């Protein structure tokens, strides 16, 4: 048997988003060693936060690579509203600094890779036409992990103790944006 096994996860308004979300949740739930996610617009739903936190709590190396600079700051702040909870559960969060980050990848356990257009936000799962490719292949997963590690070199890791003492203005903006995240 040769080549990678692939599955296209195609969604558009009213069709396919539940299946895509279920596949992603299954990957996170099945991961045992590592789960590294790069995402450009991170304004997740409650379920995503819970699933990621549970993975980290069971010992999976969960890392999120998110934008440090964004063309839509409101979405960035919506994601910030979940950072304290994610960090407290053991998820490591990095913000990419050199440029606007627009990648959307996931690699799990050196075998599973997802590459595509979906963000972890409400719009991607309910309003946008999105396409992702699930790839089951050691070489692809290892190459994706190497690219992730390369991008970490241009990133700043968010530390929980420092995150908790960010400015009141930043906290307020994060809380407000988090409330708006179902609209983003």
N, C-alpha and C. Protein backbone atom coordinates (compact mmCIF):
# COMPACT_ATOMS: atom_id res chain seq x y z
N UNK A 1 0.85 -1.18 0.00
CA UNK A 1 0.00 0.00 0.00
C UNK A 1 0.89 1.24 0.00
N UNK A 2 0.64 2.14 -0.95
CA UNK A 2 1.49 3.32 -1.09
C UNK A 2 0.67 4.59 -0.96
N UNK A 3 1.34 5.64 -0.54
CA UNK A 3 0.71 6.95 -0.49
C UNK A 3 -0.06 7.20 0.79
N UNK A 4 -0.36 8.45 0.97
CA UNK A 4 -1.10 8.88 2.15
C UNK A 4 -2.59 8.63 1.97
N UNK A 5 -3.25 8.34 3.05
CA UNK A 5 -4.71 8.25 3.04
C UNK A 5 -5.24 9.65 3.31
N UNK A 6 -6.21 10.08 2.51
CA UNK A 6 -6.74 11.43 2.66
C UNK A 6 -8.26 11.42 2.70
N UNK A 7 -8.79 12.45 3.34
CA UNK A 7 -10.22 12.67 3.40
C UNK A 7 -10.47 14.16 3.28
N UNK A 8 -11.31 14.56 2.37
CA UNK A 8 -11.65 15.98 2.22
C UNK A 8 -12.82 16.29 3.14
N UNK A 9 -12.64 17.32 3.95
CA UNK A 9 -13.69 17.82 4.84
C UNK A 9 -14.18 19.12 4.25
N UNK A 10 -15.30 19.04 3.56
CA UNK A 10 -15.85 20.18 2.83
C UNK A 10 -17.11 20.66 3.53
N UNK A 11 -17.18 21.94 3.81
CA UNK A 11 -18.39 22.46 4.43
C UNK A 11 -18.78 23.78 3.77
N UNK A 12 -20.04 24.06 3.85
CA UNK A 12 -20.59 25.33 3.38
C UNK A 12 -21.80 25.63 4.24
N UNK A 13 -22.34 26.82 4.17
CA UNK A 13 -23.46 27.15 5.05
C UNK A 13 -24.57 26.10 4.97
N UNK A 14 -24.91 25.55 6.14
CA UNK A 14 -25.98 24.58 6.21
C UNK A 14 -25.59 23.14 5.93
N UNK A 15 -24.31 22.90 5.61
CA UNK A 15 -23.90 21.54 5.25
C UNK A 15 -22.44 21.30 5.58
N UNK A 16 -22.19 20.25 6.32
CA UNK A 16 -20.83 19.77 6.51
C UNK A 16 -20.10 20.30 7.73
N UNK A 17 -20.59 21.36 8.35
CA UNK A 17 -19.83 21.91 9.47
C UNK A 17 -19.85 20.98 10.68
N UNK A 18 -20.96 20.31 10.94
CA UNK A 18 -21.03 19.39 12.08
C UNK A 18 -20.07 18.22 11.89
N UNK A 19 -19.96 17.73 10.65
CA UNK A 19 -19.04 16.63 10.37
C UNK A 19 -17.58 17.07 10.56
N UNK A 20 -17.25 18.26 10.08
CA UNK A 20 -15.89 18.77 10.25
C UNK A 20 -15.57 18.93 11.72
N UNK A 21 -16.47 19.54 12.48
CA UNK A 21 -16.25 19.71 13.91
C UNK A 21 -16.10 18.36 14.62
N UNK A 22 -16.89 17.38 14.22
CA UNK A 22 -16.81 16.05 14.83
C UNK A 22 -15.48 15.37 14.53
N UNK A 23 -15.01 15.49 13.30
CA UNK A 23 -13.72 14.90 12.94
C UNK A 23 -12.60 15.55 13.74
N UNK A 24 -12.61 16.87 13.84
CA UNK A 24 -11.58 17.57 14.60
C UNK A 24 -11.63 17.17 16.08
N UNK A 25 -12.82 17.09 16.65
CA UNK A 25 -12.95 16.68 18.05
C UNK A 25 -12.46 15.25 18.25
N UNK A 26 -12.73 14.36 17.29
CA UNK A 26 -12.27 12.98 17.38
C UNK A 26 -10.75 12.90 17.33
N UNK A 27 -10.13 13.72 16.49
CA UNK A 27 -8.66 13.74 16.42
C UNK A 27 -8.09 14.19 17.75
N UNK A 28 -8.63 15.26 18.30
CA UNK A 28 -8.15 15.76 19.59
C UNK A 28 -8.37 14.70 20.67
N UNK A 29 -9.55 14.09 20.67
CA UNK A 29 -9.86 13.08 21.67
C UNK A 29 -9.02 11.83 21.57
N UNK A 30 -8.57 11.50 20.37
CA UNK A 30 -7.77 10.30 20.17
C UNK A 30 -6.27 10.55 20.32
N UNK A 31 -5.86 11.79 20.32
CA UNK A 31 -4.42 12.09 20.40
C UNK A 31 -3.86 11.59 21.74
N UNK A 32 -2.65 11.10 21.69
CA UNK A 32 -2.01 10.54 22.88
C UNK A 32 -0.67 11.18 23.20
N UNK A 33 0.00 11.74 22.19
CA UNK A 33 1.34 12.25 22.39
C UNK A 33 1.40 13.76 22.17
N UNK A 34 1.02 14.19 20.98
CA UNK A 34 1.09 15.63 20.70
C UNK A 34 -0.07 16.06 19.84
N UNK A 35 -0.42 17.33 20.02
CA UNK A 35 -1.47 17.96 19.23
C UNK A 35 -1.05 19.41 19.06
N UNK A 36 -0.58 19.74 17.88
CA UNK A 36 -0.09 21.09 17.61
C UNK A 36 -1.00 21.72 16.56
N UNK A 37 -1.55 22.87 16.90
CA UNK A 37 -2.53 23.55 16.06
C UNK A 37 -2.04 24.94 15.72
N UNK A 38 -2.07 25.28 14.44
CA UNK A 38 -1.82 26.64 13.98
C UNK A 38 -3.14 27.17 13.46
N UNK A 39 -3.52 28.37 13.92
CA UNK A 39 -4.80 28.91 13.51
C UNK A 39 -4.74 30.43 13.50
N UNK A 40 -5.29 31.02 12.46
CA UNK A 40 -5.17 32.47 12.30
C UNK A 40 -6.29 33.26 12.96
N UNK A 41 -7.48 32.70 13.04
CA UNK A 41 -8.60 33.40 13.68
C UNK A 41 -9.18 32.47 14.73
N UNK A 42 -8.71 32.65 15.95
CA UNK A 42 -9.03 31.74 17.06
C UNK A 42 -10.05 32.41 17.97
N UNK A 43 -11.32 32.10 17.73
CA UNK A 43 -12.43 32.56 18.58
C UNK A 43 -13.33 31.34 18.79
N UNK A 44 -12.83 30.36 19.53
CA UNK A 44 -13.47 29.04 19.58
C UNK A 44 -14.77 29.02 20.38
N UNK A 45 -15.51 27.98 20.14
CA UNK A 45 -16.70 27.71 20.94
C UNK A 45 -16.27 26.99 22.21
N UNK A 46 -17.15 26.97 23.17
CA UNK A 46 -16.89 26.36 24.48
C UNK A 46 -16.42 24.92 24.36
N UNK A 47 -17.02 24.14 23.46
CA UNK A 47 -16.64 22.74 23.30
C UNK A 47 -15.17 22.59 22.92
N UNK A 48 -14.68 23.45 22.05
CA UNK A 48 -13.29 23.37 21.62
C UNK A 48 -12.34 23.62 22.79
N UNK A 49 -12.67 24.58 23.63
CA UNK A 49 -11.83 24.87 24.80
C UNK A 49 -11.79 23.64 25.73
N UNK A 50 -12.95 23.05 25.95
CA UNK A 50 -13.03 21.88 26.83
C UNK A 50 -12.23 20.70 26.28
N UNK A 51 -12.37 20.43 24.99
CA UNK A 51 -11.69 19.29 24.37
C UNK A 51 -10.17 19.49 24.40
N UNK A 52 -9.70 20.68 24.09
CA UNK A 52 -8.26 20.96 24.13
C UNK A 52 -7.72 20.85 25.56
N UNK A 53 -8.45 21.39 26.51
CA UNK A 53 -8.03 21.32 27.91
C UNK A 53 -7.95 19.90 28.42
N UNK A 54 -8.94 19.09 28.08
CA UNK A 54 -8.93 17.69 28.51
C UNK A 54 -7.75 16.93 27.90
N UNK A 55 -7.42 17.23 26.66
CA UNK A 55 -6.27 16.57 26.03
C UNK A 55 -4.98 16.91 26.79
N UNK A 56 -4.80 18.18 27.10
CA UNK A 56 -3.60 18.59 27.85
C UNK A 56 -3.57 17.94 29.23
N UNK A 57 -4.71 17.85 29.88
CA UNK A 57 -4.78 17.28 31.23
C UNK A 57 -4.48 15.79 31.24
N UNK A 58 -4.68 15.11 30.12
CA UNK A 58 -4.34 13.69 30.09
C UNK A 58 -2.91 13.46 29.59
N UNK A 59 -2.14 14.54 29.46
CA UNK A 59 -0.72 14.42 29.15
C UNK A 59 -0.32 14.65 27.71
N UNK A 60 -1.24 15.03 26.86
CA UNK A 60 -0.91 15.33 25.47
C UNK A 60 -0.21 16.69 25.42
N UNK A 61 0.83 16.80 24.64
CA UNK A 61 1.54 18.07 24.43
C UNK A 61 0.69 18.92 23.47
N UNK A 62 -0.20 19.72 24.03
CA UNK A 62 -1.09 20.56 23.24
C UNK A 62 -0.48 21.95 23.12
N UNK A 63 -0.26 22.37 21.89
CA UNK A 63 0.29 23.70 21.61
C UNK A 63 -0.58 24.40 20.58
N UNK A 64 -0.84 25.66 20.84
CA UNK A 64 -1.55 26.50 19.89
C UNK A 64 -0.60 27.58 19.40
N UNK A 65 -0.49 27.71 18.09
CA UNK A 65 0.29 28.77 17.47
C UNK A 65 -0.72 29.73 16.85
N UNK A 66 -0.79 30.92 17.41
CA UNK A 66 -1.82 31.89 17.04
C UNK A 66 -1.15 33.20 16.64
N UNK A 67 -1.88 34.09 16.00
CA UNK A 67 -1.26 35.34 15.55
C UNK A 67 -0.93 36.29 16.70
N UNK A 68 0.25 36.88 16.62
CA UNK A 68 0.61 37.97 17.52
C UNK A 68 0.21 39.30 16.92
N UNK A 69 0.06 39.32 15.61
CA UNK A 69 -0.39 40.48 14.84
C UNK A 69 -1.58 40.00 14.03
N UNK A 70 -2.66 40.77 14.03
CA UNK A 70 -3.85 40.30 13.32
C UNK A 70 -4.43 41.41 12.46
N UNK A 71 -4.99 41.02 11.33
CA UNK A 71 -5.70 41.99 10.50
C UNK A 71 -7.12 42.21 11.02
N UNK A 72 -7.55 41.37 11.99
CA UNK A 72 -8.85 41.53 12.64
C UNK A 72 -8.62 41.42 14.15
N UNK A 73 -8.19 42.53 14.78
CA UNK A 73 -7.84 42.49 16.20
C UNK A 73 -8.97 42.02 17.11
N UNK A 74 -10.22 42.27 16.75
CA UNK A 74 -11.34 41.84 17.58
C UNK A 74 -11.36 40.32 17.73
N UNK A 75 -11.07 39.60 16.67
CA UNK A 75 -11.03 38.14 16.74
C UNK A 75 -9.87 37.69 17.62
N UNK A 76 -8.74 38.34 17.49
CA UNK A 76 -7.58 38.00 18.34
C UNK A 76 -7.94 38.17 19.81
N UNK A 77 -8.61 39.27 20.13
CA UNK A 77 -9.00 39.50 21.52
C UNK A 77 -10.05 38.49 21.98
N UNK A 78 -10.92 38.05 21.09
CA UNK A 78 -11.91 37.03 21.47
C UNK A 78 -11.20 35.75 21.91
N UNK A 79 -10.16 35.36 21.19
CA UNK A 79 -9.36 34.20 21.58
C UNK A 79 -8.65 34.43 22.91
N UNK A 80 -8.17 35.65 23.11
CA UNK A 80 -7.49 35.98 24.36
C UNK A 80 -8.40 35.72 25.57
N UNK A 81 -9.70 35.86 25.37
CA UNK A 81 -10.63 35.64 26.47
C UNK A 81 -10.61 34.22 27.02
N UNK A 82 -10.00 33.28 26.28
CA UNK A 82 -9.91 31.89 26.72
C UNK A 82 -8.50 31.49 27.16
N UNK A 83 -7.53 32.36 26.99
CA UNK A 83 -6.14 31.98 27.25
C UNK A 83 -5.91 31.51 28.69
N UNK A 84 -6.42 32.23 29.68
CA UNK A 84 -6.16 31.86 31.08
C UNK A 84 -6.63 30.44 31.36
N UNK A 85 -7.82 30.11 30.89
CA UNK A 85 -8.36 28.77 31.10
C UNK A 85 -7.54 27.71 30.38
N UNK A 86 -7.16 27.98 29.14
CA UNK A 86 -6.35 27.02 28.39
C UNK A 86 -4.98 26.82 29.05
N UNK A 87 -4.34 27.92 29.41
CA UNK A 87 -3.02 27.84 30.05
C UNK A 87 -3.10 27.07 31.37
N UNK A 88 -4.14 27.34 32.15
CA UNK A 88 -4.30 26.66 33.44
C UNK A 88 -4.50 25.15 33.26
N UNK A 89 -5.06 24.74 32.13
CA UNK A 89 -5.28 23.30 31.88
C UNK A 89 -4.03 22.62 31.31
N UNK A 90 -2.99 23.40 30.99
CA UNK A 90 -1.76 22.82 30.48
C UNK A 90 -1.51 23.01 29.00
N UNK A 91 -2.42 23.71 28.31
CA UNK A 91 -2.22 24.02 26.89
C UNK A 91 -1.15 25.10 26.79
N UNK A 92 -0.19 24.91 25.91
CA UNK A 92 0.84 25.93 25.67
C UNK A 92 0.39 26.79 24.49
N UNK A 93 0.51 28.11 24.66
CA UNK A 93 0.06 29.05 23.64
C UNK A 93 1.23 29.92 23.21
N UNK A 94 1.38 30.03 21.90
CA UNK A 94 2.44 30.85 21.31
C UNK A 94 1.80 31.85 20.36
N UNK A 95 2.33 33.08 20.34
CA UNK A 95 1.86 34.07 19.38
C UNK A 95 2.99 34.38 18.41
N UNK A 96 2.68 34.21 17.14
CA UNK A 96 3.63 34.41 16.04
C UNK A 96 3.85 35.90 15.81
N UNK A 97 5.10 36.33 15.75
CA UNK A 97 5.43 37.75 15.71
C UNK A 97 5.85 38.33 14.35
N UNK A 98 6.52 37.60 13.48
CA UNK A 98 7.10 38.24 12.29
C UNK A 98 6.11 38.87 11.31
N UNK A 99 4.91 38.33 11.22
CA UNK A 99 3.95 38.81 10.22
C UNK A 99 2.56 38.31 10.61
N UNK A 100 1.57 38.68 9.83
CA UNK A 100 0.23 38.15 10.05
C UNK A 100 0.25 36.66 9.74
N UNK A 101 -0.22 35.87 10.67
CA UNK A 101 -0.26 34.42 10.53
C UNK A 101 -1.59 34.04 9.87
N UNK A 102 -1.51 33.30 8.78
CA UNK A 102 -2.76 32.92 8.12
C UNK A 102 -2.87 31.41 7.92
N UNK A 103 -1.96 30.65 8.49
CA UNK A 103 -1.97 29.20 8.34
C UNK A 103 -3.04 28.55 9.20
N UNK A 104 -3.53 27.43 8.73
CA UNK A 104 -4.49 26.60 9.48
C UNK A 104 -4.06 25.16 9.34
N UNK A 105 -3.37 24.66 10.37
CA UNK A 105 -2.90 23.28 10.34
C UNK A 105 -3.13 22.63 11.70
N UNK A 106 -3.14 21.32 11.69
CA UNK A 106 -3.20 20.53 12.91
C UNK A 106 -2.34 19.30 12.66
N UNK A 107 -1.52 18.94 13.62
CA UNK A 107 -0.77 17.69 13.53
C UNK A 107 -0.94 16.97 14.86
N UNK A 108 -1.22 15.68 14.78
CA UNK A 108 -1.42 14.86 15.98
C UNK A 108 -0.62 13.58 15.88
N UNK A 109 0.15 13.31 16.93
CA UNK A 109 0.84 12.04 17.12
C UNK A 109 1.69 11.59 15.93
N UNK A 110 2.30 12.53 15.25
CA UNK A 110 3.21 12.20 14.14
C UNK A 110 2.59 11.32 13.07
N UNK A 111 1.25 11.40 12.93
CA UNK A 111 0.59 10.60 11.90
C UNK A 111 -0.58 11.33 11.24
N UNK A 112 -1.31 12.11 11.99
CA UNK A 112 -2.51 12.79 11.49
C UNK A 112 -2.20 14.25 11.23
N UNK A 113 -2.57 14.72 10.05
CA UNK A 113 -2.41 16.12 9.69
C UNK A 113 -3.73 16.62 9.10
N UNK A 114 -4.08 17.85 9.45
CA UNK A 114 -5.19 18.53 8.80
C UNK A 114 -4.66 19.87 8.31
N UNK A 115 -4.89 20.14 7.03
CA UNK A 115 -4.50 21.40 6.42
C UNK A 115 -5.71 21.93 5.68
N UNK A 116 -5.99 23.21 5.81
CA UNK A 116 -7.14 23.73 5.09
C UNK A 116 -7.44 25.17 5.37
N UNK A 117 -8.70 25.52 5.25
CA UNK A 117 -9.10 26.91 5.36
C UNK A 117 -9.91 27.23 6.61
N UNK A 118 -10.31 26.22 7.38
CA UNK A 118 -11.15 26.47 8.55
C UNK A 118 -10.38 27.08 9.71
N UNK A 119 -10.97 28.10 10.29
CA UNK A 119 -10.48 28.68 11.52
C UNK A 119 -11.28 28.08 12.67
N UNK A 120 -10.77 28.24 13.87
CA UNK A 120 -11.53 27.81 15.04
C UNK A 120 -12.36 29.00 15.50
N UNK A 121 -13.38 29.29 14.70
CA UNK A 121 -14.30 30.37 15.03
C UNK A 121 -15.69 30.03 14.50
N UNK A 122 -16.67 30.77 14.95
CA UNK A 122 -18.06 30.51 14.60
C UNK A 122 -18.31 30.65 13.10
N UNK A 123 -17.74 31.67 12.48
CA UNK A 123 -17.96 31.92 11.05
C UNK A 123 -17.53 30.73 10.20
N UNK A 124 -16.36 30.17 10.49
CA UNK A 124 -15.85 29.06 9.68
C UNK A 124 -16.78 27.86 9.72
N UNK A 125 -17.40 27.63 10.88
CA UNK A 125 -18.22 26.44 11.02
C UNK A 125 -19.68 26.64 10.63
N UNK A 126 -20.12 27.88 10.48
CA UNK A 126 -21.54 28.09 10.19
C UNK A 126 -21.85 28.94 8.96
N UNK A 127 -20.95 29.82 8.56
CA UNK A 127 -21.26 30.74 7.47
C UNK A 127 -20.36 30.60 6.25
N UNK A 128 -19.12 30.19 6.45
CA UNK A 128 -18.17 30.19 5.34
C UNK A 128 -18.13 28.85 4.63
N UNK A 129 -17.81 28.88 3.37
CA UNK A 129 -17.47 27.67 2.63
C UNK A 129 -16.01 27.38 2.94
N UNK A 130 -15.74 26.22 3.51
CA UNK A 130 -14.39 25.86 3.92
C UNK A 130 -14.02 24.50 3.38
N UNK A 131 -12.74 24.28 3.21
CA UNK A 131 -12.26 22.98 2.75
C UNK A 131 -10.98 22.64 3.49
N UNK A 132 -10.95 21.46 4.07
CA UNK A 132 -9.78 20.96 4.79
C UNK A 132 -9.48 19.57 4.27
N UNK A 133 -8.22 19.19 4.36
CA UNK A 133 -7.82 17.85 3.96
C UNK A 133 -7.21 17.16 5.18
N UNK A 134 -7.76 16.03 5.52
CA UNK A 134 -7.25 15.17 6.59
C UNK A 134 -6.29 14.19 5.92
N UNK A 135 -5.07 14.12 6.43
CA UNK A 135 -4.04 13.27 5.82
C UNK A 135 -3.50 12.33 6.89
N UNK A 136 -3.53 11.05 6.61
CA UNK A 136 -2.96 10.04 7.50
C UNK A 136 -1.68 9.54 6.87
N UNK A 137 -0.55 10.04 7.38
CA UNK A 137 0.74 9.72 6.77
C UNK A 137 1.85 10.21 7.69
N UNK A 138 2.79 9.35 8.02
CA UNK A 138 3.91 9.71 8.89
C UNK A 138 4.73 10.87 8.34
N UNK A 139 5.12 10.78 7.07
CA UNK A 139 6.00 11.80 6.49
C UNK A 139 5.34 13.17 6.46
N UNK A 140 4.07 13.23 6.11
CA UNK A 140 3.35 14.50 6.06
C UNK A 140 3.25 15.09 7.47
N UNK A 141 2.92 14.27 8.45
CA UNK A 141 2.80 14.75 9.82
C UNK A 141 4.14 15.25 10.34
N UNK A 142 5.20 14.53 10.04
CA UNK A 142 6.53 14.95 10.50
C UNK A 142 6.95 16.27 9.83
N UNK A 143 6.65 16.43 8.57
CA UNK A 143 6.97 17.69 7.87
C UNK A 143 6.16 18.85 8.44
N UNK A 144 4.89 18.59 8.76
CA UNK A 144 4.04 19.62 9.35
C UNK A 144 4.55 19.99 10.74
N UNK A 145 4.97 19.01 11.50
CA UNK A 145 5.53 19.27 12.84
C UNK A 145 6.82 20.09 12.74
N UNK A 146 7.66 19.79 11.76
CA UNK A 146 8.89 20.57 11.57
C UNK A 146 8.57 22.02 11.22
N UNK A 147 7.58 22.24 10.36
CA UNK A 147 7.17 23.60 10.00
C UNK A 147 6.62 24.33 11.23
N UNK A 148 5.86 23.63 12.05
CA UNK A 148 5.33 24.21 13.28
C UNK A 148 6.49 24.64 14.19
N UNK A 149 7.45 23.75 14.38
CA UNK A 149 8.61 24.08 15.22
C UNK A 149 9.39 25.26 14.67
N UNK A 150 9.52 25.34 13.36
CA UNK A 150 10.20 26.48 12.73
C UNK A 150 9.46 27.77 13.05
N UNK A 151 8.14 27.74 12.96
CA UNK A 151 7.35 28.94 13.26
C UNK A 151 7.41 29.32 14.73
N UNK A 152 7.61 28.35 15.61
CA UNK A 152 7.75 28.67 17.03
C UNK A 152 8.96 29.55 17.29
N UNK A 153 9.99 29.42 16.45
CA UNK A 153 11.20 30.23 16.63
C UNK A 153 10.90 31.73 16.49
N UNK A 154 9.84 32.07 15.75
CA UNK A 154 9.45 33.46 15.59
C UNK A 154 8.26 33.83 16.46
N UNK A 155 8.08 33.09 17.54
CA UNK A 155 6.90 33.28 18.37
C UNK A 155 7.27 33.56 19.81
N UNK A 156 6.32 34.09 20.54
CA UNK A 156 6.48 34.35 21.97
C UNK A 156 5.50 33.43 22.69
N UNK A 157 6.01 32.69 23.69
CA UNK A 157 5.12 31.84 24.47
C UNK A 157 4.42 32.67 25.54
N UNK A 158 3.13 32.49 25.65
CA UNK A 158 2.34 33.17 26.66
C UNK A 158 2.43 32.37 27.95
N UNK A 159 2.83 33.02 29.02
CA UNK A 159 2.95 32.38 30.34
C UNK A 159 1.78 32.80 31.21
N UNK A 160 1.21 31.86 31.94
CA UNK A 160 0.01 32.12 32.74
C UNK A 160 0.23 33.24 33.76
N UNK A 161 1.35 33.23 34.46
CA UNK A 161 1.57 34.26 35.48
C UNK A 161 1.63 35.65 34.86
N UNK A 162 2.25 35.78 33.70
CA UNK A 162 2.30 37.07 33.01
C UNK A 162 0.94 37.43 32.42
N UNK A 163 0.23 36.43 31.92
CA UNK A 163 -1.07 36.67 31.31
C UNK A 163 -2.05 37.24 32.33
N UNK A 164 -1.99 36.74 33.54
CA UNK A 164 -2.92 37.17 34.59
C UNK A 164 -2.70 38.63 34.99
N UNK A 165 -1.54 39.18 34.72
CA UNK A 165 -1.29 40.57 35.13
C UNK A 165 -1.31 41.55 33.96
N UNK A 166 -1.91 41.15 32.83
CA UNK A 166 -2.02 42.09 31.72
C UNK A 166 -2.92 43.26 32.13
N UNK A 167 -2.88 44.31 31.38
CA UNK A 167 -3.58 45.55 31.76
C UNK A 167 -5.10 45.37 31.85
N UNK A 168 -5.72 46.24 32.62
CA UNK A 168 -7.17 46.23 32.77
C UNK A 168 -7.84 46.49 31.42
N UNK A 169 -7.27 47.38 30.64
CA UNK A 169 -7.82 47.69 29.31
C UNK A 169 -7.78 46.44 28.43
N UNK A 170 -6.67 45.72 28.46
CA UNK A 170 -6.55 44.49 27.67
C UNK A 170 -7.58 43.47 28.14
N UNK A 171 -7.71 43.29 29.45
CA UNK A 171 -8.69 42.35 30.00
C UNK A 171 -10.11 42.70 29.58
N UNK A 172 -10.44 43.97 29.66
CA UNK A 172 -11.78 44.41 29.28
C UNK A 172 -12.04 44.13 27.79
N UNK A 173 -11.06 44.47 26.95
CA UNK A 173 -11.19 44.21 25.52
C UNK A 173 -11.36 42.73 25.22
N UNK A 174 -10.62 41.89 25.94
CA UNK A 174 -10.72 40.43 25.76
C UNK A 174 -12.11 39.94 26.16
N UNK A 175 -12.60 40.42 27.30
CA UNK A 175 -13.92 39.98 27.79
C UNK A 175 -15.03 40.41 26.83
N UNK A 176 -14.95 41.64 26.36
CA UNK A 176 -15.96 42.14 25.42
C UNK A 176 -15.92 41.35 24.12
N UNK A 177 -14.73 41.14 23.58
CA UNK A 177 -14.59 40.39 22.33
C UNK A 177 -15.05 38.95 22.49
N UNK A 178 -14.78 38.36 23.64
CA UNK A 178 -15.22 36.98 23.89
C UNK A 178 -16.75 36.90 23.84
N UNK A 179 -17.42 37.90 24.41
CA UNK A 179 -18.89 37.93 24.37
C UNK A 179 -19.40 38.04 22.93
N UNK A 180 -18.63 38.69 22.08
CA UNK A 180 -19.03 38.87 20.69
C UNK A 180 -18.61 37.71 19.79
N UNK A 181 -17.82 36.77 20.32
CA UNK A 181 -17.26 35.72 19.46
C UNK A 181 -18.29 34.91 18.68
N UNK A 182 -19.53 34.71 19.16
CA UNK A 182 -20.49 34.00 18.31
C UNK A 182 -20.85 34.76 17.03
N UNK A 183 -20.52 36.04 16.99
CA UNK A 183 -20.81 36.84 15.81
C UNK A 183 -19.62 36.98 14.88
N UNK A 184 -18.46 36.56 15.34
CA UNK A 184 -17.22 36.77 14.58
C UNK A 184 -16.97 35.65 13.59
